[in-house]
Amino acid sequence: MALFGLLAMGLAGPLKWFEHELRFHPRVAGGHPLAAYVLGLAFGFGWTPCIGPVLGAILTLSATQTSLSEGITLLSFYAAGLGVPFLLAAMGVAMMTGQLSAFSFWLLKTIPALGRIG
């Protein structure tokens, strides 16, 4: 991290091996499972530097709490904050494509007890 900071400030000389990039252009048709896998890989590689330090901080905070329930609460809010936007986006796409009702029927057929909730 210190080296990156010095490079960003221009206090360390340019390192030529940091100035290269590698691009991957797969020729995969849209809708193919391999295309979804490659997109997931790209998303994961892009997000790892952003999410890693935050997750590390939350894990450290939860480990230093005085009770187990406080740590669980912190991790639960972190997980909800991370997951809920993805779930909302997925439900919106499912509604636009008409797949939400198909998913609902599948869910009720697979877990009949859900039909008795309420």
PDB file of N, CA and C in Angstrom:
ATOM      1  N   MET A   1       0.831  -1.199   0.000  1.00  0.00           N
ATOM      2  CA  MET A   1       0.000   0.000   0.000  1.00  0.00           C
ATOM      3  C   MET A   1       0.867   1.251   0.000  1.00  0.00           C
ATOM      4  N   ALA A   2       1.954   1.189   0.759  1.00  0.00           N
ATOM      5  CA  ALA A   2       2.832   2.351   0.803  1.00  0.00           C
ATOM      6  C   ALA A   2       3.434   2.622  -0.571  1.00  0.00           C
ATOM      7  N   LEU A   3       3.827   1.553  -1.279  1.00  0.00           N
ATOM      8  CA  LEU A   3       4.393   1.712  -2.617  1.00  0.00           C
ATOM      9  C   LEU A   3       3.372   2.333  -3.566  1.00  0.00           C
ATOM     10  N   PHE A   4       2.123   1.868  -3.490  1.00  0.00           N
ATOM     11  CA  PHE A   4       1.086   2.447  -4.341  1.00  0.00           C
ATOM     12  C   PHE A   4       0.866   3.922  -4.015  1.00  0.00           C
ATOM     13  N   GLY A   5       0.900   4.276  -2.761  1.00  0.00           N
ATOM     14  CA  GLY A   5       0.760   5.674  -2.373  1.00  0.00           C
ATOM     15  C   GLY A   5       1.891   6.529  -2.918  1.00  0.00           C
ATOM     16  N   LEU A   6       3.125   6.023  -2.815  1.00  0.00           N
ATOM     17  CA  LEU A   6       4.273   6.760  -3.357  1.00  0.00           C
ATOM     18  C   LEU A   6       4.184   6.896  -4.869  1.00  0.00           C
ATOM     19  N   LEU A   7       3.717   5.831  -5.545  1.00  0.00           N
ATOM     20  CA  LEU A   7       3.539   5.903  -6.996  1.00  0.00           C
ATOM     21  C   LEU A   7       2.474   6.923  -7.378  1.00  0.00           C
ATOM     22  N   ALA A   8       1.372   6.940  -6.627  1.00  0.00           N
ATOM     23  CA  ALA A   8       0.285   7.876  -6.923  1.00  0.00           C
ATOM     24  C   ALA A   8       0.721   9.323  -6.719  1.00  0.00           C
ATOM     25  N   MET A   9       1.594   9.560  -5.729  1.00  0.00           N
ATOM     26  CA  MET A   9       2.079  10.921  -5.479  1.00  0.00           C
ATOM     27  C   MET A   9       3.221  11.307  -6.401  1.00  0.00           C
ATOM     28  N   GLY A  10       3.729  10.354  -7.156  1.00  0.00           N
ATOM     29  CA  GLY A  10       4.832  10.641  -8.057  1.00  0.00           C
ATOM     30  C   GLY A  10       6.178  10.662  -7.364  1.00  0.00           C
ATOM     31  N   LEU A  11       6.251  10.146  -6.130  1.00  0.00           N
ATOM     32  CA  LEU A  11       7.506  10.147  -5.383  1.00  0.00           C
ATOM     33  C   LEU A  11       8.353   8.914  -5.667  1.00  0.00           C
ATOM     34  N   ALA A  12       7.761   7.897  -6.248  1.00  0.00           N
ATOM     35  CA  ALA A  12       8.511   6.704  -6.653  1.00  0.00           C
ATOM     36  C   ALA A  12       8.527   6.678  -8.177  1.00  0.00           C
ATOM     37  N   GLY A  13       9.635   6.246  -8.726  1.00  0.00           N
ATOM     38  CA  GLY A  13       9.766   6.216 -10.182  1.00  0.00           C
ATOM     39  C   GLY A  13       8.716   5.314 -10.814  1.00  0.00           C
ATOM     40  N   PRO A  14       8.422   5.519 -12.078  1.00  0.00           N
ATOM     41  CA  PRO A  14       7.427   4.671 -12.740  1.00  0.00           C
ATOM     42  C   PRO A  14       7.938   3.232 -12.844  1.00  0.00           C
ATOM     43  N   LEU A  15       7.079   2.313 -12.503  1.00  0.00           N
ATOM     44  CA  LEU A  15       7.396   0.898 -12.631  1.00  0.00           C
ATOM     45  C   LEU A  15       6.703   0.389 -13.882  1.00  0.00           C
ATOM     46  N   LYS A  16       7.473  -0.004 -14.867  1.00  0.00           N
ATOM     47  CA  LYS A  16       6.921  -0.374 -16.174  1.00  0.00           C
ATOM     48  C   LYS A  16       5.958  -1.553 -16.087  1.00  0.00           C
ATOM     49  N   TRP A  17       6.180  -2.499 -15.168  1.00  0.00           N
ATOM     50  CA  TRP A  17       5.291  -3.662 -15.093  1.00  0.00           C
ATOM     51  C   TRP A  17       3.955  -3.321 -14.465  1.00  0.00           C
ATOM     52  N   PHE A  18       3.807  -2.133 -13.884  1.00  0.00           N
ATOM     53  CA  PHE A  18       2.503  -1.664 -13.401  1.00  0.00           C
ATOM     54  C   PHE A  18       1.724  -0.950 -14.498  1.00  0.00           C
ATOM     55  N   GLU A  19       2.376  -0.623 -15.608  1.00  0.00           N
ATOM     56  CA  GLU A  19       1.757   0.157 -16.669  1.00  0.00           C
ATOM     57  C   GLU A  19       1.243  -0.711 -17.817  1.00  0.00           C
ATOM     58  N   HIS A  20       0.993  -1.958 -17.571  1.00  0.00           N
ATOM     59  CA  HIS A  20       0.483  -2.870 -18.592  1.00  0.00           C
ATOM     60  C   HIS A  20      -0.907  -3.329 -18.202  1.00  0.00           C
ATOM     61  N   GLU A  21      -1.648  -3.743 -19.204  1.00  0.00           N
ATOM     62  CA  GLU A  21      -2.970  -4.290 -18.936  1.00  0.00           C
ATOM     63  C   GLU A  21      -3.165  -5.540 -19.780  1.00  0.00           C
ATOM     64  N   LEU A  22      -4.054  -6.369 -19.349  1.00  0.00           N
ATOM     65  CA  LEU A  22      -4.378  -7.595 -20.059  1.00  0.00           C
ATOM     66  C   LEU A  22      -5.878  -7.610 -20.268  1.00  0.00           C
ATOM     67  N   ARG A  23      -6.290  -7.705 -21.506  1.00  0.00           N
ATOM     68  CA  ARG A  23      -7.726  -7.731 -21.806  1.00  0.00           C
ATOM     69  C   ARG A  23      -8.092  -9.073 -22.397  1.00  0.00           C
ATOM     70  N   PHE A  24      -9.265  -9.498 -22.052  1.00  0.00           N
ATOM     71  CA  PHE A  24      -9.783 -10.779 -22.498  1.00  0.00           C
ATOM     72  C   PHE A  24     -11.088 -10.520 -23.230  1.00  0.00           C
ATOM     73  N   HIS A  25     -11.175 -10.899 -24.487  1.00  0.00           N
ATOM     74  CA  HIS A  25     -12.365 -10.670 -25.299  1.00  0.00           C
ATOM     75  C   HIS A  25     -12.937 -12.007 -25.759  1.00  0.00           C
ATOM     76  N   PRO A  26     -13.724 -12.651 -24.927  1.00  0.00           N
ATOM     77  CA  PRO A  26     -14.272 -13.941 -25.346  1.00  0.00           C
ATOM     78  C   PRO A  26     -15.354 -13.755 -26.405  1.00  0.00           C
ATOM     79  N   ARG A  27     -15.441 -14.677 -27.298  1.00  0.00           N
ATOM     80  CA  ARG A  27     -16.479 -14.668 -28.336  1.00  0.00           C
ATOM     81  C   ARG A  27     -17.568 -15.646 -27.917  1.00  0.00           C
ATOM     82  N   VAL A  28     -18.365 -15.239 -26.940  1.00  0.00           N
ATOM     83  CA  VAL A  28     -19.419 -16.093 -26.410  1.00  0.00           C
ATOM     84  C   VAL A  28     -20.752 -15.412 -26.672  1.00  0.00           C
ATOM     85  N   ALA A  29     -21.703 -16.162 -27.191  1.00  0.00           N
ATOM     86  CA  ALA A  29     -23.025 -15.601 -27.471  1.00  0.00           C
ATOM     87  C   ALA A  29     -23.735 -15.236 -26.170  1.00  0.00           C
ATOM     88  N   GLY A  30     -24.491 -14.144 -26.204  1.00  0.00           N
ATOM     89  CA  GLY A  30     -25.259 -13.735 -25.032  1.00  0.00           C
ATOM     90  C   GLY A  30     -26.279 -14.795 -24.648  1.00  0.00           C
ATOM     91  N   GLY A  31     -26.532 -14.933 -23.387  1.00  0.00           N
ATOM     92  CA  GLY A  31     -27.486 -15.921 -22.900  1.00  0.00           C
ATOM     93  C   GLY A  31     -26.865 -17.283 -22.659  1.00  0.00           C
ATOM     94  N   HIS A  32     -25.616 -17.442 -23.001  1.00  0.00           N
ATOM     95  CA  HIS A  32     -24.921 -18.712 -22.789  1.00  0.00           C
ATOM     96  C   HIS A  32     -24.373 -18.746 -21.362  1.00  0.00           C
ATOM     97  N   PRO A  33     -24.403 -19.893 -20.695  1.00  0.00           N
ATOM     98  CA  PRO A  33     -23.883 -19.958 -19.316  1.00  0.00           C
ATOM     99  C   PRO A  33     -22.430 -19.505 -19.196  1.00  0.00           C
ATOM    100  N   LEU A  34     -21.629 -19.753 -20.218  1.00  0.00           N
ATOM    101  CA  LEU A  34     -20.236 -19.320 -20.156  1.00  0.00           C
ATOM    102  C   LEU A  34     -20.135 -17.793 -20.145  1.00  0.00           C
ATOM    103  N   ALA A  35     -21.036 -17.122 -20.865  1.00  0.00           N
ATOM    104  CA  ALA A  35     -21.043 -15.659 -20.865  1.00  0.00           C
ATOM    105  C   ALA A  35     -21.354 -15.130 -19.465  1.00  0.00           C
ATOM    106  N   ALA A  36     -22.304 -15.753 -18.786  1.00  0.00           N
ATOM    107  CA  ALA A  36     -22.632 -15.335 -17.420  1.00  0.00           C
ATOM    108  C   ALA A  36     -21.449 -15.579 -16.483  1.00  0.00           C
ATOM    109  N   TYR A  37     -20.756 -16.683 -16.681  1.00  0.00           N
ATOM    110  CA  TYR A  37     -19.591 -17.000 -15.848  1.00  0.00           C
ATOM    111  C   TYR A  37     -18.483 -15.958 -16.044  1.00  0.00           C
ATOM    112  N   VAL A  38     -18.198 -15.609 -17.312  1.00  0.00           N
ATOM    113  CA  VAL A  38     -17.154 -14.626 -17.605  1.00  0.00           C
ATOM    114  C   VAL A  38     -17.540 -13.261 -17.039  1.00  0.00           C
ATOM    115  N   LEU A  39     -18.806 -12.898 -17.154  1.00  0.00           N
ATOM    116  CA  LEU A  39     -19.261 -11.631 -16.578  1.00  0.00           C
ATOM    117  C   LEU A  39     -19.100 -11.644 -15.058  1.00  0.00           C
ATOM    118  N   GLY A  40     -19.425 -12.754 -14.434  1.00  0.00           N
ATOM    119  CA  GLY A  40     -19.241 -12.874 -12.985  1.00  0.00           C
ATOM    120  C   GLY A  40     -17.780 -12.771 -12.580  1.00  0.00           C
ATOM    121  N   LEU A  41     -16.900 -13.379 -13.373  1.00  0.00           N
ATOM    122  CA  LEU A  41     -15.458 -13.266 -13.091  1.00  0.00           C
ATOM    123  C   LEU A  41     -15.001 -11.810 -13.166  1.00  0.00           C
ATOM    124  N   ALA A  42     -15.410 -11.117 -14.217  1.00  0.00           N
ATOM    125  CA  ALA A  42     -15.016  -9.716 -14.373  1.00  0.00           C
ATOM    126  C   ALA A  42     -15.535  -8.875 -13.217  1.00  0.00           C
ATOM    127  N   PHE A  43     -16.788  -9.126 -12.832  1.00  0.00           N
ATOM    128  CA  PHE A  43     -17.379  -8.385 -11.717  1.00  0.00           C
ATOM    129  C   PHE A  43     -16.614  -8.657 -10.419  1.00  0.00           C
ATOM    130  N   GLY A  44     -16.295  -9.928 -10.193  1.00  0.00           N
ATOM    131  CA  GLY A  44     -15.556 -10.291  -8.982  1.00  0.00           C
ATOM    132  C   GLY A  44     -14.172  -9.670  -8.935  1.00  0.00           C
ATOM    133  N   PHE A  45     -13.451  -9.710 -10.060  1.00  0.00           N
ATOM    134  CA  PHE A  45     -12.119  -9.097 -10.092  1.00  0.00           C
ATOM    135  C   PHE A  45     -12.197  -7.588  -9.875  1.00  0.00           C
ATOM    136  N   GLY A  46     -13.223  -6.960 -10.407  1.00  0.00           N
ATOM    137  CA  GLY A  46     -13.363  -5.521 -10.244  1.00  0.00           C
ATOM    138  C   GLY A  46     -13.772  -5.110  -8.844  1.00  0.00           C
ATOM    139  N   TRP A  47     -14.537  -5.967  -8.188  1.00  0.00           N
ATOM    140  CA  TRP A  47     -15.061  -5.609  -6.874  1.00  0.00           C
ATOM    141  C   TRP A  47     -14.175  -6.005  -5.712  1.00  0.00           C
ATOM    142  N   THR A  48     -13.300  -6.965  -5.910  1.00  0.00           N
ATOM    143  CA  THR A  48     -12.479  -7.465  -4.810  1.00  0.00           C
ATOM    144  C   THR A  48     -11.687  -6.368  -4.106  1.00  0.00           C
ATOM    145  N   PRO A  49     -11.017  -5.465  -4.828  1.00  0.00           N
ATOM    146  CA  PRO A  49     -10.274  -4.418  -4.118  1.00  0.00           C
ATOM    147  C   PRO A  49     -11.168  -3.467  -3.335  1.00  0.00           C
ATOM    148  N   CYS A  50     -12.419  -3.322  -3.749  1.00  0.00           N
ATOM    149  CA  CYS A  50     -13.322  -2.393  -3.066  1.00  0.00           C
ATOM    150  C   CYS A  50     -13.967  -3.038  -1.842  1.00  0.00           C
ATOM    151  N   ILE A  51     -14.397  -4.278  -1.996  1.00  0.00           N
ATOM    152  CA  ILE A  51     -15.165  -4.909  -0.935  1.00  0.00           C
ATOM    153  C   ILE A  51     -14.272  -5.519   0.147  1.00  0.00           C
ATOM    154  N   GLY A  52     -13.053  -5.894  -0.219  1.00  0.00           N
ATOM    155  CA  GLY A  52     -12.153  -6.555   0.727  1.00  0.00           C
ATOM    156  C   GLY A  52     -11.854  -5.739   1.978  1.00  0.00           C
ATOM    157  N   PRO A  53     -11.398  -4.491   1.838  1.00  0.00           N
ATOM    158  CA  PRO A  53     -11.091  -3.698   3.040  1.00  0.00           C
ATOM    159  C   PRO A  53     -12.320  -3.428   3.907  1.00  0.00           C
ATOM    160  N   VAL A  54     -13.462  -3.212   3.269  1.00  0.00           N
ATOM    161  CA  VAL A  54     -14.685  -2.956   4.049  1.00  0.00           C
ATOM    162  C   VAL A  54     -15.089  -4.208   4.813  1.00  0.00           C
ATOM    163  N   LEU A  55     -15.070  -5.351   4.143  1.00  0.00           N
ATOM    164  CA  LEU A  55     -15.401  -6.602   4.829  1.00  0.00           C
ATOM    165  C   LEU A  55     -14.407  -6.885   5.947  1.00  0.00           C
ATOM    166  N   GLY A  56     -13.135  -6.613   5.701  1.00  0.00           N
ATOM    167  CA  GLY A  56     -12.126  -6.800   6.750  1.00  0.00           C
ATOM    168  C   GLY A  56     -12.400  -5.927   7.963  1.00  0.00           C
ATOM    169  N   ALA A  57     -12.798  -4.679   7.727  1.00  0.00           N
ATOM    170  CA  ALA A  57     -13.102  -3.774   8.838  1.00  0.00           C
ATOM    171  C   ALA A  57     -14.325  -4.251   9.613  1.00  0.00           C
ATOM    172  N   ILE A  58     -15.368  -4.694   8.896  1.00  0.00           N
ATOM    173  CA  ILE A  58     -16.577  -5.177   9.572  1.00  0.00           C
ATOM    174  C   ILE A  58     -16.265  -6.441  10.373  1.00  0.00           C
ATOM    175  N   LEU A  59     -15.477  -7.345   9.799  1.00  0.00           N
ATOM    176  CA  LEU A  59     -15.107  -8.562  10.530  1.00  0.00           C
ATOM    177  C   LEU A  59     -14.290  -8.230  11.773  1.00  0.00           C
ATOM    178  N   THR A  60     -13.380  -7.259  11.655  1.00  0.00           N
ATOM    179  CA  THR A  60     -12.586  -6.847  12.815  1.00  0.00           C
ATOM    180  C   THR A  60     -13.473  -6.239  13.890  1.00  0.00           C
ATOM    181  N   LEU A  61     -14.394  -5.357  13.478  1.00  0.00           N
ATOM    182  CA  LEU A  61     -15.311  -4.746  14.444  1.00  0.00           C
ATOM    183  C   LEU A  61     -16.185  -5.801  15.127  1.00  0.00           C
ATOM    184  N   SER A  62     -16.691  -6.741  14.338  1.00  0.00           N
ATOM    185  CA  SER A  62     -17.566  -7.751  14.931  1.00  0.00           C
ATOM    186  C   SER A  62     -16.789  -8.670  15.862  1.00  0.00           C
ATOM    187  N   ALA A  63     -15.516  -8.920  15.563  1.00  0.00           N
ATOM    188  CA  ALA A  63     -14.705  -9.783  16.425  1.00  0.00           C
ATOM    189  C   ALA A  63     -14.362  -9.105  17.750  1.00  0.00           C
ATOM    190  N   THR A  64     -14.369  -7.781  17.784  1.00  0.00           N
ATOM    191  CA  THR A  64     -13.998  -7.064  18.997  1.00  0.00           C
ATOM    192  C   THR A  64     -15.199  -6.628  19.836  1.00  0.00           C
ATOM    193  N   GLN A  65     -16.406  -7.016  19.426  1.00  0.00           N
ATOM    194  CA  GLN A  65     -17.597  -6.635  20.190  1.00  0.00           C
ATOM    195  C   GLN A  65     -17.644  -7.418  21.499  1.00  0.00           C
ATOM    196  N   THR A  66     -18.361  -6.869  22.464  1.00  0.00           N
ATOM    197  CA  THR A  66     -18.417  -7.503  23.773  1.00  0.00           C
ATOM    198  C   THR A  66     -19.338  -8.711  23.808  1.00  0.00           C
ATOM    199  N   SER A  67     -20.266  -8.797  22.873  1.00  0.00           N
ATOM    200  CA  SER A  67     -21.158  -9.959  22.858  1.00  0.00           C
ATOM    201  C   SER A  67     -21.285 -10.495  21.431  1.00  0.00           C
ATOM    202  N   LEU A  68     -21.663 -11.754  21.350  1.00  0.00           N
ATOM    203  CA  LEU A  68     -21.839 -12.401  20.061  1.00  0.00           C
ATOM    204  C   LEU A  68     -22.963 -11.738  19.266  1.00  0.00           C
ATOM    205  N   SER A  69     -24.027 -11.334  19.943  1.00  0.00           N
ATOM    206  CA  SER A  69     -25.166 -10.744  19.245  1.00  0.00           C
ATOM    207  C   SER A  69     -24.802  -9.413  18.583  1.00  0.00           C
ATOM    208  N   GLU A  70     -23.920  -8.629  19.191  1.00  0.00           N
ATOM    209  CA  GLU A  70     -23.487  -7.376  18.571  1.00  0.00           C
ATOM    210  C   GLU A  70     -22.704  -7.637  17.288  1.00  0.00           C
ATOM    211  N   GLY A  71     -21.839  -8.643  17.306  1.00  0.00           N
ATOM    212  CA  GLY A  71     -21.086  -9.013  16.102  1.00  0.00           C
ATOM    213  C   GLY A  71     -21.997  -9.533  15.013  1.00  0.00           C
ATOM    214  N   ILE A  72     -22.968 -10.349  15.395  1.00  0.00           N
ATOM    215  CA  ILE A  72     -23.929 -10.873  14.424  1.00  0.00           C
ATOM    216  C   ILE A  72     -24.752  -9.742  13.821  1.00  0.00           C
ATOM    217  N   THR A  73     -25.120  -8.772  14.629  1.00  0.00           N
ATOM    218  CA  THR A  73     -25.898  -7.632  14.137  1.00  0.00           C
ATOM    219  C   THR A  73     -25.098  -6.846  13.100  1.00  0.00           C
ATOM    220  N   LEU A  74     -23.829  -6.568  13.398  1.00  0.00           N
ATOM    221  CA  LEU A  74     -22.994  -5.841  12.435  1.00  0.00           C
ATOM    222  C   LEU A  74     -22.882  -6.604  11.113  1.00  0.00           C
ATOM    223  N   LEU A  75     -22.598  -7.907  11.205  1.00  0.00           N
ATOM    224  CA  LEU A  75     -22.442  -8.699   9.985  1.00  0.00           C
ATOM    225  C   LEU A  75     -23.760  -8.841   9.242  1.00  0.00           C
ATOM    226  N   SER A  76     -24.874  -8.893   9.957  1.00  0.00           N
ATOM    227  CA  SER A  76     -26.178  -8.992   9.300  1.00  0.00           C
ATOM    228  C   SER A  76     -26.511  -7.729   8.519  1.00  0.00           C
ATOM    229  N   PHE A  77     -26.242  -6.575   9.117  1.00  0.00           N
ATOM    230  CA  PHE A  77     -26.499  -5.323   8.415  1.00  0.00           C
ATOM    231  C   PHE A  77     -25.574  -5.176   7.206  1.00  0.00           C
ATOM    232  N   TYR A  78     -24.340  -5.613   7.336  1.00  0.00           N
ATOM    233  CA  TYR A  78     -23.413  -5.577   6.203  1.00  0.00           C
ATOM    234  C   TYR A  78     -23.928  -6.474   5.076  1.00  0.00           C
ATOM    235  N   ALA A  79     -24.335  -7.689   5.421  1.00  0.00           N
ATOM    236  CA  ALA A  79     -24.834  -8.626   4.413  1.00  0.00           C
ATOM    237  C   ALA A  79     -26.101  -8.094   3.748  1.00  0.00           C
ATOM    238  N   ALA A  80     -26.990  -7.502   4.539  1.00  0.00           N
ATOM    239  CA  ALA A  80     -28.222  -6.945   3.968  1.00  0.00           C
ATOM    240  C   ALA A  80     -27.903  -5.771   3.032  1.00  0.00           C
ATOM    241  N   GLY A  81     -27.001  -4.916   3.457  1.00  0.00           N
ATOM    242  CA  GLY A  81     -26.621  -3.777   2.622  1.00  0.00           C
ATOM    243  C   GLY A  81     -25.953  -4.208   1.325  1.00  0.00           C
ATOM    244  N   LEU A  82     -25.267  -5.324   1.368  1.00  0.00           N
ATOM    245  CA  LEU A  82     -24.614  -5.835   0.169  1.00  0.00           C
ATOM    246  C   LEU A  82     -25.590  -6.586  -0.722  1.00  0.00           C
ATOM    247  N   GLY A  83     -26.473  -7.368  -0.127  1.00  0.00           N
ATOM    248  CA  GLY A  83     -27.330  -8.252  -0.904  1.00  0.00           C
ATOM    249  C   GLY A  83     -28.638  -7.665  -1.385  1.00  0.00           C
ATOM    250  N   VAL A  84     -29.262  -6.811  -0.597  1.00  0.00           N
ATOM    251  CA  VAL A  84     -30.592  -6.293  -0.950  1.00  0.00           C
ATOM    252  C   VAL A  84     -30.600  -5.546  -2.286  1.00  0.00           C
ATOM    253  N   PRO A  85     -29.624  -4.686  -2.586  1.00  0.00           N
ATOM    254  CA  PRO A  85     -29.654  -4.040  -3.911  1.00  0.00           C
ATOM    255  C   PRO A  85     -29.608  -5.040  -5.065  1.00  0.00           C
ATOM    256  N   PHE A  86     -28.850  -6.119  -4.917  1.00  0.00           N
ATOM    257  CA  PHE A  86     -28.802  -7.139  -5.971  1.00  0.00           C
ATOM    258  C   PHE A  86     -30.138  -7.855  -6.096  1.00  0.00           C
ATOM    259  N   LEU A  87     -30.762  -8.157  -4.970  1.00  0.00           N
ATOM    260  CA  LEU A  87     -32.067  -8.824  -5.015  1.00  0.00           C
ATOM    261  C   LEU A  87     -33.121  -7.921  -5.651  1.00  0.00           C
ATOM    262  N   LEU A  88     -33.096  -6.644  -5.312  1.00  0.00           N
ATOM    263  CA  LEU A  88     -34.065  -5.714  -5.901  1.00  0.00           C
ATOM    264  C   LEU A  88     -33.853  -5.575  -7.408  1.00  0.00           C
ATOM    265  N   ALA A  89     -32.601  -5.512  -7.816  1.00  0.00           N
ATOM    266  CA  ALA A  89     -32.319  -5.420  -9.253  1.00  0.00           C
ATOM    267  C   ALA A  89     -32.764  -6.694  -9.969  1.00  0.00           C
ATOM    268  N   ALA A  90     -32.514  -7.833  -9.356  1.00  0.00           N
ATOM    269  CA  ALA A  90     -32.913  -9.106  -9.973  1.00  0.00           C
ATOM    270  C   ALA A  90     -34.427  -9.219 -10.063  1.00  0.00           C
ATOM    271  N   MET A  91     -35.133  -8.756  -9.025  1.00  0.00           N
ATOM    272  CA  MET A  91     -36.605  -8.824  -9.069  1.00  0.00           C
ATOM    273  C   MET A  91     -37.142  -7.888 -10.140  1.00  0.00           C
ATOM    274  N   GLY A  92     -36.505  -6.714 -10.317  1.00  0.00           N
ATOM    275  CA  GLY A  92     -36.935  -5.788 -11.358  1.00  0.00           C
ATOM    276  C   GLY A  92     -36.757  -6.378 -12.748  1.00  0.00           C
ATOM    277  N   VAL A  93     -35.634  -7.033 -12.969  1.00  0.00           N
ATOM    278  CA  VAL A  93     -35.393  -7.674 -14.263  1.00  0.00           C
ATOM    279  C   VAL A  93     -36.384  -8.805 -14.466  1.00  0.00           C
ATOM    280  N   ALA A  94     -36.649  -9.568 -13.405  1.00  0.00           N
ATOM    281  CA  ALA A  94     -37.610 -10.673 -13.509  1.00  0.00           C
ATOM    282  C   ALA A  94     -39.007 -10.148 -13.825  1.00  0.00           C
ATOM    283  N   MET A  95     -39.373  -9.008 -13.256  1.00  0.00           N
ATOM    284  CA  MET A  95     -40.689  -8.431 -13.549  1.00  0.00           C
ATOM    285  C   MET A  95     -40.763  -7.949 -14.991  1.00  0.00           C
ATOM    286  N   MET A  96     -39.698  -7.316 -15.487  1.00  0.00           N
ATOM    287  CA  MET A  96     -39.709  -6.802 -16.861  1.00  0.00           C
ATOM    288  C   MET A  96     -39.752  -7.920 -17.897  1.00  0.00           C
ATOM    289  N   THR A  97     -39.148  -9.059 -17.562  1.00  0.00           N
ATOM    290  CA  THR A  97     -39.119 -10.165 -18.531  1.00  0.00           C
ATOM    291  C   THR A  97     -40.270 -11.136 -18.343  1.00  0.00           C
ATOM    292  N   GLY A  98     -41.101 -10.920 -17.323  1.00  0.00           N
ATOM    293  CA  GLY A  98     -42.234 -11.805 -17.086  1.00  0.00           C
ATOM    294  C   GLY A  98     -41.865 -13.096 -16.375  1.00  0.00           C
ATOM    295  N   GLN A  99     -40.657 -13.170 -15.863  1.00  0.00           N
ATOM    296  CA  GLN A  99     -40.213 -14.400 -15.201  1.00  0.00           C
ATOM    297  C   GLN A  99     -40.513 -14.423 -13.706  1.00  0.00           C
ATOM    298  N   LEU A 100     -40.961 -13.306 -13.140  1.00  0.00           N
ATOM    299  CA  LEU A 100     -41.233 -13.277 -11.710  1.00  0.00           C
ATOM    300  C   LEU A 100     -42.382 -14.210 -11.352  1.00  0.00           C
ATOM    301  N   SER A 101     -43.442 -14.209 -12.150  1.00  0.00           N
ATOM    302  CA  SER A 101     -44.565 -15.108 -11.854  1.00  0.00           C
ATOM    303  C   SER A 101     -44.152 -16.561 -12.054  1.00  0.00           C
ATOM    304  N   ALA A 102     -43.339 -16.850 -13.059  1.00  0.00           N
ATOM    305  CA  ALA A 102     -42.854 -18.223 -13.251  1.00  0.00           C
ATOM    306  C   ALA A 102     -42.019 -18.662 -12.054  1.00  0.00           C
ATOM    307  N   PHE A 103     -41.190 -17.754 -11.537  1.00  0.00           N
ATOM    308  CA  PHE A 103     -40.398 -18.074 -10.357  1.00  0.00           C
ATOM    309  C   PHE A 103     -41.292 -18.297  -9.141  1.00  0.00           C
ATOM    310  N   SER A 104     -42.322 -17.482  -9.001  1.00  0.00           N
ATOM    311  CA  SER A 104     -43.249 -17.636  -7.876  1.00  0.00           C
ATOM    312  C   SER A 104     -43.951 -18.987  -7.915  1.00  0.00           C
ATOM    313  N   PHE A 105     -44.418 -19.390  -9.108  1.00  0.00           N
ATOM    314  CA  PHE A 105     -45.071 -20.690  -9.238  1.00  0.00           C
ATOM    315  C   PHE A 105     -44.101 -21.832  -8.938  1.00  0.00           C
ATOM    316  N   TRP A 106     -42.875 -21.699  -9.420  1.00  0.00           N
ATOM    317  CA  TRP A 106     -41.869 -22.735  -9.146  1.00  0.00           C
ATOM    318  C   TRP A 106     -41.590 -22.829  -7.646  1.00  0.00           C
ATOM    319  N   LEU A 107     -41.478 -21.672  -6.996  1.00  0.00           N
ATOM    320  CA  LEU A 107     -41.205 -21.642  -5.561  1.00  0.00           C
ATOM    321  C   LEU A 107     -42.341 -22.289  -4.778  1.00  0.00           C
ATOM    322  N   LEU A 108     -43.596 -21.998  -5.137  1.00  0.00           N
ATOM    323  CA  LEU A 108     -44.741 -22.595  -4.453  1.00  0.00           C
ATOM    324  C   LEU A 108     -44.819 -24.103  -4.705  1.00  0.00           C
ATOM    325  N   LYS A 109     -44.457 -24.531  -5.907  1.00  0.00           N
ATOM    326  CA  LYS A 109     -44.482 -25.964  -6.224  1.00  0.00           C
ATOM    327  C   LYS A 109     -43.365 -26.697  -5.464  1.00  0.00           C
ATOM    328  N   THR A 110     -42.214 -26.046  -5.342  1.00  0.00           N
ATOM    329  CA  THR A 110     -41.068 -26.670  -4.674  1.00  0.00           C
ATOM    330  C   THR A 110     -41.206 -26.668  -3.164  1.00  0.00           C
ATOM    331  N   ILE A 111     -41.745 -25.570  -2.596  1.00  0.00           N
ATOM    332  CA  ILE A 111     -41.913 -25.437  -1.146  1.00  0.00           C
ATOM    333  C   ILE A 111     -43.375 -25.091  -0.888  1.00  0.00           C
ATOM    334  N   PRO A 112     -44.258 -26.092  -0.838  1.00  0.00           N
ATOM    335  CA  PRO A 112     -45.698 -25.821  -0.680  1.00  0.00           C
ATOM    336  C   PRO A 112     -46.061 -25.073   0.591  1.00  0.00           C
ATOM    337  N   ALA A 113     -45.233 -25.187   1.632  1.00  0.00           N
ATOM    338  CA  ALA A 113     -45.532 -24.506   2.891  1.00  0.00           C
ATOM    339  C   ALA A 113     -45.582 -22.991   2.721  1.00  0.00           C
ATOM    340  N   LEU A 114     -44.922 -22.470   1.703  1.00  0.00           N
ATOM    341  CA  LEU A 114     -44.951 -21.017   1.482  1.00  0.00           C
ATOM    342  C   LEU A 114     -46.353 -20.518   1.150  1.00  0.00           C
ATOM    343  N   GLY A 115     -47.191 -21.368   0.589  1.00  0.00           N
ATOM    344  CA  GLY A 115     -48.552 -20.978   0.242  1.00  0.00           C
ATOM    345  C   GLY A 115     -49.438 -20.827   1.463  1.00  0.00           C
ATOM    346  N   ARG A 116     -49.008 -21.348   2.601  1.00  0.00           N
ATOM    347  CA  ARG A 116     -49.807 -21.262   3.833  1.00  0.00           C
ATOM    348  C   ARG A 116     -49.346 -20.147   4.739  1.00  0.00           C
ATOM    349  N   ILE A 117     -48.349 -19.385   4.327  1.00  0.00           N
ATOM    350  CA  ILE A 117     -47.848 -18.272   5.144  1.00  0.00           C
ATOM    351  C   ILE A 117     -48.800 -17.093   5.009  1.00  0.00           C
ATOM    352  N   GLY A 118     -49.132 -16.480   6.111  1.00  0.00           N
ATOM    353  CA  GLY A 118     -49.912 -15.280   5.996  1.00  0.00           C
ATOM    354  C   GLY A 118     -51.112 -15.334   6.837  1.00  0.00           C
TER     355      GLY A 118
END
